Amino acid sequence: MLKFFKENALTFALIIAIAGLLGSLYFSEVMGLTPCLLCWYQRIALYPMVVILVMGIARRDAHVWAYALPLSIIGTLIAAYHVLVTYGIFHEAASCALGVSCAAVTWSLFGFITIPFLSVIAFITISVLLFVSKQKS
């Protein structure tokens, strides 16, 4: 089972990235939730990662992790900051006050799972999977 996991780490990372892309579009386009500034920055990190992973898997590029990992780490940092803002640990930046508040919780599950929380979990998981794929190559 561990061998299967290592051999398919990039595919699992791609599945999570696609789920994040579709989830973000669902929240904004179907549910009508306007993304805040930090949400846009997270999308900027996530959306190209889907293309990079598809191309890397299709071309069997052993170094695709090196192209996707910086985006995943940047996304993780932005999402982690966003989680801390929504939980009130950090104050939101002045730029967040221009549109939708970055501190506003517009959707939650079980009272603590928010959209930024889902984002940080996705980015961390993708980063771990990219590290696993690096070890395989």
N, C-alpha and C. Protein backbone atom coordinates (compact mmCIF):
# COMPACT_ATOMS: atom_id res chain seq x y z
N MET A 1 0.83 -1.19 0.00
CA MET A 1 0.00 0.00 0.00
C MET A 1 0.87 1.25 0.00
N LEU A 2 1.96 1.25 0.76
CA LEU A 2 2.86 2.40 0.80
C LEU A 2 3.50 2.64 -0.56
N LYS A 3 3.85 1.57 -1.25
CA LYS A 3 4.43 1.68 -2.59
C LYS A 3 3.43 2.33 -3.55
N PHE A 4 2.18 1.90 -3.48
CA PHE A 4 1.12 2.49 -4.32
C PHE A 4 0.98 3.98 -4.04
N PHE A 5 1.01 4.34 -2.76
CA PHE A 5 0.89 5.74 -2.36
C PHE A 5 2.03 6.57 -2.93
N LYS A 6 3.26 6.07 -2.81
CA LYS A 6 4.43 6.79 -3.31
C LYS A 6 4.39 6.93 -4.84
N GLU A 7 3.99 5.86 -5.52
CA GLU A 7 3.96 5.88 -6.98
C GLU A 7 2.90 6.82 -7.53
N ASN A 8 1.85 7.06 -6.77
CA ASN A 8 0.74 7.88 -7.25
C ASN A 8 0.60 9.20 -6.49
N ALA A 9 1.64 9.63 -5.83
CA ALA A 9 1.57 10.86 -5.03
C ALA A 9 1.20 12.07 -5.88
N LEU A 10 1.76 12.18 -7.07
CA LEU A 10 1.43 13.31 -7.94
C LEU A 10 -0.03 13.28 -8.38
N THR A 11 -0.54 12.10 -8.65
CA THR A 11 -1.95 11.97 -9.04
C THR A 11 -2.85 12.38 -7.88
N PHE A 12 -2.52 11.97 -6.68
CA PHE A 12 -3.30 12.38 -5.51
C PHE A 12 -3.23 13.89 -5.31
N ALA A 13 -2.05 14.47 -5.52
CA ALA A 13 -1.90 15.93 -5.41
C ALA A 13 -2.76 16.62 -6.45
N LEU A 14 -2.80 16.08 -7.66
CA LEU A 14 -3.62 16.65 -8.72
C LEU A 14 -5.11 16.56 -8.37
N ILE A 15 -5.53 15.44 -7.82
CA ILE A 15 -6.94 15.28 -7.43
C ILE A 15 -7.32 16.32 -6.38
N ILE A 16 -6.46 16.54 -5.41
CA ILE A 16 -6.74 17.54 -4.38
C ILE A 16 -6.76 18.95 -4.98
N ALA A 17 -5.83 19.24 -5.88
CA ALA A 17 -5.80 20.55 -6.52
C ALA A 17 -7.07 20.78 -7.35
N ILE A 18 -7.50 19.77 -8.08
CA ILE A 18 -8.74 19.89 -8.87
C ILE A 18 -9.94 20.07 -7.94
N ALA A 19 -9.97 19.33 -6.84
CA ALA A 19 -11.06 19.49 -5.87
C ALA A 19 -11.07 20.90 -5.30
N GLY A 20 -9.90 21.45 -5.01
CA GLY A 20 -9.81 22.83 -4.52
C GLY A 20 -10.29 23.82 -5.56
N LEU A 21 -9.90 23.62 -6.81
CA LEU A 21 -10.33 24.50 -7.89
C LEU A 21 -11.85 24.45 -8.03
N LEU A 22 -12.40 23.25 -8.12
CA LEU A 22 -13.85 23.11 -8.27
C LEU A 22 -14.60 23.60 -7.04
N GLY A 23 -14.03 23.34 -5.86
CA GLY A 23 -14.67 23.81 -4.63
C GLY A 23 -14.71 25.33 -4.56
N SER A 24 -13.61 25.97 -4.94
CA SER A 24 -13.60 27.44 -4.90
C SER A 24 -14.59 28.02 -5.89
N LEU A 25 -14.68 27.41 -7.06
CA LEU A 25 -15.65 27.87 -8.05
C LEU A 25 -17.09 27.61 -7.58
N TYR A 26 -17.31 26.49 -6.89
CA TYR A 26 -18.64 26.20 -6.36
C TYR A 26 -19.05 27.25 -5.33
N PHE A 27 -18.14 27.56 -4.42
CA PHE A 27 -18.46 28.55 -3.38
C PHE A 27 -18.78 29.91 -3.99
N SER A 28 -18.03 30.31 -5.01
CA SER A 28 -18.25 31.65 -5.57
C SER A 28 -19.34 31.68 -6.63
N GLU A 29 -19.37 30.71 -7.52
CA GLU A 29 -20.31 30.78 -8.64
C GLU A 29 -21.67 30.16 -8.35
N VAL A 30 -21.72 29.12 -7.56
CA VAL A 30 -23.00 28.46 -7.26
C VAL A 30 -23.61 29.02 -5.98
N MET A 31 -22.81 29.10 -4.92
CA MET A 31 -23.33 29.61 -3.65
C MET A 31 -23.37 31.13 -3.59
N GLY A 32 -22.68 31.79 -4.52
CA GLY A 32 -22.70 33.25 -4.58
C GLY A 32 -21.87 33.95 -3.53
N LEU A 33 -20.87 33.26 -2.97
CA LEU A 33 -20.00 33.87 -1.97
C LEU A 33 -18.88 34.62 -2.68
N THR A 34 -18.77 35.90 -2.45
CA THR A 34 -17.72 36.70 -3.08
C THR A 34 -16.40 36.44 -2.36
N PRO A 35 -15.36 36.07 -3.11
CA PRO A 35 -14.06 35.81 -2.48
C PRO A 35 -13.41 37.09 -1.96
N CYS A 36 -12.78 36.97 -0.81
CA CYS A 36 -12.02 38.12 -0.28
C CYS A 36 -10.66 38.16 -0.95
N LEU A 37 -9.87 39.16 -0.61
CA LEU A 37 -8.55 39.34 -1.22
C LEU A 37 -7.63 38.13 -0.96
N LEU A 38 -7.62 37.63 0.27
CA LEU A 38 -6.77 36.48 0.58
C LEU A 38 -7.23 35.23 -0.16
N CYS A 39 -8.54 35.09 -0.37
CA CYS A 39 -9.06 33.96 -1.15
C CYS A 39 -8.56 34.04 -2.59
N TRP A 40 -8.53 35.25 -3.14
CA TRP A 40 -8.02 35.42 -4.50
C TRP A 40 -6.54 35.02 -4.57
N TYR A 41 -5.76 35.42 -3.58
CA TYR A 41 -4.34 35.07 -3.58
C TYR A 41 -4.16 33.55 -3.51
N GLN A 42 -4.99 32.88 -2.73
CA GLN A 42 -4.91 31.43 -2.65
C GLN A 42 -5.28 30.78 -3.98
N ARG A 43 -6.28 31.36 -4.66
CA ARG A 43 -6.64 30.85 -5.98
C ARG A 43 -5.49 31.04 -6.97
N ILE A 44 -4.80 32.17 -6.86
CA ILE A 44 -3.66 32.43 -7.75
C ILE A 44 -2.58 31.36 -7.57
N ALA A 45 -2.42 30.86 -6.36
CA ALA A 45 -1.44 29.80 -6.10
C ALA A 45 -1.96 28.43 -6.55
N LEU A 46 -3.27 28.21 -6.44
CA LEU A 46 -3.84 26.88 -6.70
C LEU A 46 -4.11 26.61 -8.18
N TYR A 47 -4.71 27.55 -8.88
CA TYR A 47 -5.16 27.28 -10.24
C TYR A 47 -4.03 26.87 -11.19
N PRO A 48 -2.90 27.58 -11.21
CA PRO A 48 -1.83 27.13 -12.12
C PRO A 48 -1.23 25.79 -11.71
N MET A 49 -1.34 25.46 -10.43
CA MET A 49 -0.81 24.18 -9.96
C MET A 49 -1.51 23.01 -10.65
N VAL A 50 -2.80 23.16 -10.94
CA VAL A 50 -3.53 22.11 -11.65
C VAL A 50 -2.89 21.88 -13.02
N VAL A 51 -2.63 22.94 -13.74
CA VAL A 51 -2.02 22.83 -15.08
C VAL A 51 -0.61 22.24 -14.97
N ILE A 52 0.16 22.72 -14.02
CA ILE A 52 1.53 22.23 -13.85
C ILE A 52 1.53 20.73 -13.56
N LEU A 53 0.65 20.29 -12.67
CA LEU A 53 0.61 18.87 -12.32
C LEU A 53 0.11 18.02 -13.49
N VAL A 54 -0.88 18.50 -14.22
CA VAL A 54 -1.36 17.75 -15.39
C VAL A 54 -0.23 17.59 -16.41
N MET A 55 0.46 18.68 -16.70
CA MET A 55 1.56 18.63 -17.67
C MET A 55 2.70 17.74 -17.16
N GLY A 56 3.02 17.86 -15.89
CA GLY A 56 4.10 17.05 -15.33
C GLY A 56 3.79 15.56 -15.35
N ILE A 57 2.56 15.22 -15.03
CA ILE A 57 2.16 13.81 -15.05
C ILE A 57 2.12 13.31 -16.48
N ALA A 58 1.56 14.10 -17.39
CA ALA A 58 1.46 13.68 -18.79
C ALA A 58 2.84 13.48 -19.42
N ARG A 59 3.79 14.33 -19.07
CA ARG A 59 5.14 14.24 -19.65
C ARG A 59 6.06 13.36 -18.83
N ARG A 60 5.53 12.82 -17.73
CA ARG A 60 6.33 11.98 -16.82
C ARG A 60 7.60 12.71 -16.37
N ASP A 61 7.41 13.97 -16.04
CA ASP A 61 8.52 14.83 -15.59
C ASP A 61 8.80 14.53 -14.12
N ALA A 62 9.95 13.98 -13.85
CA ALA A 62 10.32 13.61 -12.48
C ALA A 62 10.54 14.82 -11.59
N HIS A 63 10.67 16.00 -12.20
CA HIS A 63 10.94 17.21 -11.43
C HIS A 63 9.73 18.13 -11.32
N VAL A 64 8.55 17.64 -11.63
CA VAL A 64 7.36 18.48 -11.56
C VAL A 64 7.13 19.00 -10.13
N TRP A 65 7.56 18.23 -9.16
CA TRP A 65 7.42 18.67 -7.76
C TRP A 65 8.12 20.01 -7.55
N ALA A 66 9.24 20.24 -8.24
CA ALA A 66 10.00 21.47 -8.08
C ALA A 66 9.26 22.68 -8.63
N TYR A 67 8.40 22.46 -9.60
CA TYR A 67 7.62 23.55 -10.19
C TYR A 67 6.37 23.85 -9.36
N ALA A 68 5.77 22.81 -8.81
CA ALA A 68 4.51 22.97 -8.08
C ALA A 68 4.72 23.32 -6.61
N LEU A 69 5.81 22.86 -6.03
CA LEU A 69 6.02 23.06 -4.59
C LEU A 69 6.08 24.53 -4.16
N PRO A 70 6.76 25.42 -4.90
CA PRO A 70 6.74 26.82 -4.47
C PRO A 70 5.33 27.41 -4.41
N LEU A 71 4.49 27.07 -5.38
CA LEU A 71 3.10 27.55 -5.35
C LEU A 71 2.36 26.98 -4.14
N SER A 72 2.61 25.72 -3.85
CA SER A 72 1.94 25.09 -2.71
C SER A 72 2.39 25.70 -1.38
N ILE A 73 3.65 25.98 -1.25
CA ILE A 73 4.15 26.59 -0.02
C ILE A 73 3.61 28.01 0.14
N ILE A 74 3.62 28.78 -0.95
CA ILE A 74 3.05 30.13 -0.90
C ILE A 74 1.57 30.07 -0.54
N GLY A 75 0.85 29.15 -1.16
CA GLY A 75 -0.57 28.97 -0.85
C GLY A 75 -0.79 28.58 0.60
N THR A 76 0.07 27.72 1.12
CA THR A 76 -0.03 27.31 2.53
C THR A 76 0.14 28.50 3.46
N LEU A 77 1.14 29.33 3.18
CA LEU A 77 1.40 30.48 4.03
C LEU A 77 0.23 31.48 4.00
N ILE A 78 -0.29 31.74 2.81
CA ILE A 78 -1.42 32.67 2.70
C ILE A 78 -2.65 32.09 3.40
N ALA A 79 -2.91 30.80 3.17
CA ALA A 79 -4.08 30.16 3.78
C ALA A 79 -3.94 30.10 5.31
N ALA A 80 -2.74 29.82 5.81
CA ALA A 80 -2.53 29.78 7.26
C ALA A 80 -2.77 31.16 7.87
N TYR A 81 -2.25 32.19 7.22
CA TYR A 81 -2.51 33.55 7.69
C TYR A 81 -4.01 33.85 7.67
N HIS A 82 -4.68 33.42 6.61
CA HIS A 82 -6.12 33.66 6.49
C HIS A 82 -6.89 32.95 7.62
N VAL A 83 -6.49 31.74 7.94
CA VAL A 83 -7.12 31.01 9.05
C VAL A 83 -6.93 31.78 10.36
N LEU A 84 -5.73 32.27 10.60
CA LEU A 84 -5.47 33.02 11.82
C LEU A 84 -6.26 34.33 11.87
N VAL A 85 -6.49 34.94 10.72
CA VAL A 85 -7.32 36.14 10.65
C VAL A 85 -8.77 35.80 10.96
N THR A 86 -9.28 34.72 10.37
CA THR A 86 -10.69 34.37 10.60
C THR A 86 -10.94 33.93 12.04
N TYR A 87 -9.94 33.35 12.69
CA TYR A 87 -10.09 32.95 14.09
C TYR A 87 -9.79 34.09 15.06
N GLY A 88 -9.43 35.26 14.53
CA GLY A 88 -9.21 36.43 15.36
C GLY A 88 -7.85 36.50 16.03
N ILE A 89 -6.92 35.65 15.62
CA ILE A 89 -5.58 35.65 16.22
C ILE A 89 -4.76 36.80 15.66
N PHE A 90 -4.91 37.07 14.36
CA PHE A 90 -4.29 38.23 13.72
C PHE A 90 -5.38 39.18 13.27
N HIS A 91 -5.05 40.47 13.21
CA HIS A 91 -5.97 41.45 12.65
C HIS A 91 -5.83 41.42 11.14
N GLU A 92 -6.94 41.65 10.44
CA GLU A 92 -6.86 41.64 8.99
C GLU A 92 -6.10 42.87 8.49
N ALA A 93 -5.44 42.70 7.37
CA ALA A 93 -4.67 43.79 6.77
C ALA A 93 -5.62 44.86 6.26
N ALA A 94 -5.11 46.07 6.14
CA ALA A 94 -5.93 47.18 5.66
C ALA A 94 -6.47 46.92 4.26
N SER A 95 -5.70 46.21 3.44
CA SER A 95 -6.16 45.90 2.08
C SER A 95 -7.37 44.98 2.07
N CYS A 96 -7.57 44.20 3.14
CA CYS A 96 -8.73 43.31 3.23
C CYS A 96 -10.01 44.10 3.47
N ALA A 97 -9.89 45.29 3.99
CA ALA A 97 -11.08 46.08 4.31
C ALA A 97 -11.70 46.74 3.08
N LEU A 98 -11.04 46.68 1.93
CA LEU A 98 -11.54 47.34 0.73
C LEU A 98 -12.75 46.64 0.13
N GLY A 99 -12.81 45.35 0.19
CA GLY A 99 -13.92 44.59 -0.37
C GLY A 99 -14.57 43.74 0.71
N VAL A 100 -14.69 42.47 0.43
CA VAL A 100 -15.20 41.52 1.40
C VAL A 100 -14.17 41.35 2.51
N SER A 101 -14.61 41.38 3.74
CA SER A 101 -13.69 41.25 4.87
C SER A 101 -13.04 39.87 4.87
N CYS A 102 -11.72 39.84 5.03
CA CYS A 102 -11.00 38.57 5.10
C CYS A 102 -11.25 37.85 6.43
N ALA A 103 -11.74 38.58 7.42
CA ALA A 103 -12.02 37.99 8.73
C ALA A 103 -13.42 37.39 8.80
N ALA A 104 -14.26 37.72 7.83
CA ALA A 104 -15.65 37.22 7.84
C ALA A 104 -15.69 35.73 7.54
N VAL A 105 -16.49 35.02 8.31
CA VAL A 105 -16.71 33.60 8.07
C VAL A 105 -18.05 33.49 7.33
N THR A 106 -17.97 33.24 6.03
CA THR A 106 -19.18 33.18 5.21
C THR A 106 -19.76 31.78 5.10
N TRP A 107 -18.97 30.76 5.47
CA TRP A 107 -19.42 29.37 5.43
C TRP A 107 -18.61 28.60 6.45
N SER A 108 -19.27 27.70 7.17
CA SER A 108 -18.53 26.85 8.10
C SER A 108 -19.25 25.52 8.26
N LEU A 109 -18.48 24.53 8.64
CA LEU A 109 -18.99 23.19 8.90
C LEU A 109 -18.54 22.81 10.30
N PHE A 110 -19.47 22.39 11.13
CA PHE A 110 -19.20 22.03 12.51
C PHE A 110 -18.67 23.19 13.33
N GLY A 111 -18.83 24.41 12.84
CA GLY A 111 -18.45 25.59 13.58
C GLY A 111 -16.98 25.97 13.55
N PHE A 112 -16.12 25.11 12.98
CA PHE A 112 -14.70 25.46 12.95
C PHE A 112 -14.05 25.20 11.58
N ILE A 113 -14.68 24.41 10.74
CA ILE A 113 -14.13 24.14 9.42
C ILE A 113 -14.65 25.24 8.48
N THR A 114 -13.75 26.14 8.10
CA THR A 114 -14.10 27.26 7.24
C THR A 114 -13.43 27.07 5.87
N ILE A 115 -13.75 27.94 4.95
CA ILE A 115 -13.13 27.86 3.62
C ILE A 115 -11.61 28.02 3.72
N PRO A 116 -11.09 29.00 4.47
CA PRO A 116 -9.62 29.08 4.61
C PRO A 116 -9.01 27.85 5.29
N PHE A 117 -9.74 27.25 6.21
CA PHE A 117 -9.26 26.03 6.88
C PHE A 117 -9.13 24.89 5.86
N LEU A 118 -10.15 24.74 5.00
CA LEU A 118 -10.09 23.72 3.95
C LEU A 118 -8.90 23.99 3.02
N SER A 119 -8.67 25.26 2.73
CA SER A 119 -7.58 25.64 1.84
C SER A 119 -6.22 25.29 2.44
N VAL A 120 -6.01 25.60 3.71
CA VAL A 120 -4.71 25.29 4.32
C VAL A 120 -4.49 23.78 4.39
N ILE A 121 -5.54 23.01 4.66
CA ILE A 121 -5.41 21.55 4.69
C ILE A 121 -5.05 21.04 3.30
N ALA A 122 -5.70 21.58 2.27
CA ALA A 122 -5.41 21.15 0.90
C ALA A 122 -3.97 21.47 0.51
N PHE A 123 -3.52 22.70 0.79
CA PHE A 123 -2.16 23.09 0.43
C PHE A 123 -1.12 22.27 1.20
N ILE A 124 -1.35 22.02 2.47
CA ILE A 124 -0.41 21.21 3.25
C ILE A 124 -0.35 19.79 2.69
N THR A 125 -1.50 19.22 2.39
CA THR A 125 -1.55 17.86 1.84
C THR A 125 -0.84 17.79 0.49
N ILE A 126 -1.09 18.78 -0.36
CA ILE A 126 -0.40 18.81 -1.66
C ILE A 126 1.10 18.92 -1.45
N SER A 127 1.54 19.76 -0.53
CA SER A 127 2.98 19.91 -0.26
C SER A 127 3.60 18.59 0.19
N VAL A 128 2.92 17.88 1.09
CA VAL A 128 3.42 16.59 1.56
C VAL A 128 3.50 15.60 0.39
N LEU A 129 2.47 15.58 -0.44
CA LEU A 129 2.47 14.67 -1.59
C LEU A 129 3.58 15.01 -2.58
N LEU A 130 3.86 16.29 -2.75
CA LEU A 130 4.96 16.69 -3.63
C LEU A 130 6.30 16.27 -3.06
N PHE A 131 6.47 16.36 -1.73
CA PHE A 131 7.69 15.88 -1.10
C PHE A 131 7.84 14.36 -1.28
N VAL A 132 6.71 13.65 -1.15
CA VAL A 132 6.74 12.19 -1.35
C VAL A 132 7.14 11.87 -2.79
N SER A 133 6.61 12.61 -3.75
CA SER A 133 6.97 12.35 -5.14
C SER A 133 8.43 12.70 -5.40
N LYS A 134 8.96 13.68 -4.68
CA LYS A 134 10.39 14.01 -4.80
C LYS A 134 11.24 12.85 -4.33
N GLN A 135 10.84 12.22 -3.25
CA GLN A 135 11.60 11.09 -2.71
C GLN A 135 11.60 9.91 -3.67
N LYS A 136 10.53 9.78 -4.45
CA LYS A 136 10.42 8.68 -5.40
C LYS A 136 11.35 8.88 -6.59
N SER A 137 11.55 10.14 -6.99
CA SER A 137 12.34 10.42 -8.20
C SER A 137 13.83 10.34 -7.98
